[in-house]
Amino acid sequence: MDNNSELHVVFGASGSIGSAVVRELAKRGKRVRAVNRTGKAELPPSVEMIKGDASNLESVRQACQGAGVVYH
């Protein structure tokens, strides 16, 4: 698998640290799925933004599906 095709999932993507991680990964050409409770954030257009809750196991499973790397 190409390093840039590996999916990176970032929880808390609208917070200051999470959004910085998302932006850096996107800048490096990584596939990024950003997760927060609302499913909304101002992020680079290449980033997949989804609604999810890190305190809910099923939500975490869905958000992490296909991920090679998860940031929390």
Foldseek 3Di string as FASTA:
>chain_A
DDQQAAEEEEEPCQDPVNVVVQQVNVVVNHAYEYEYQVQDHDHPPSYHTGHADPVDPVRVCVRCVRHPHYHD
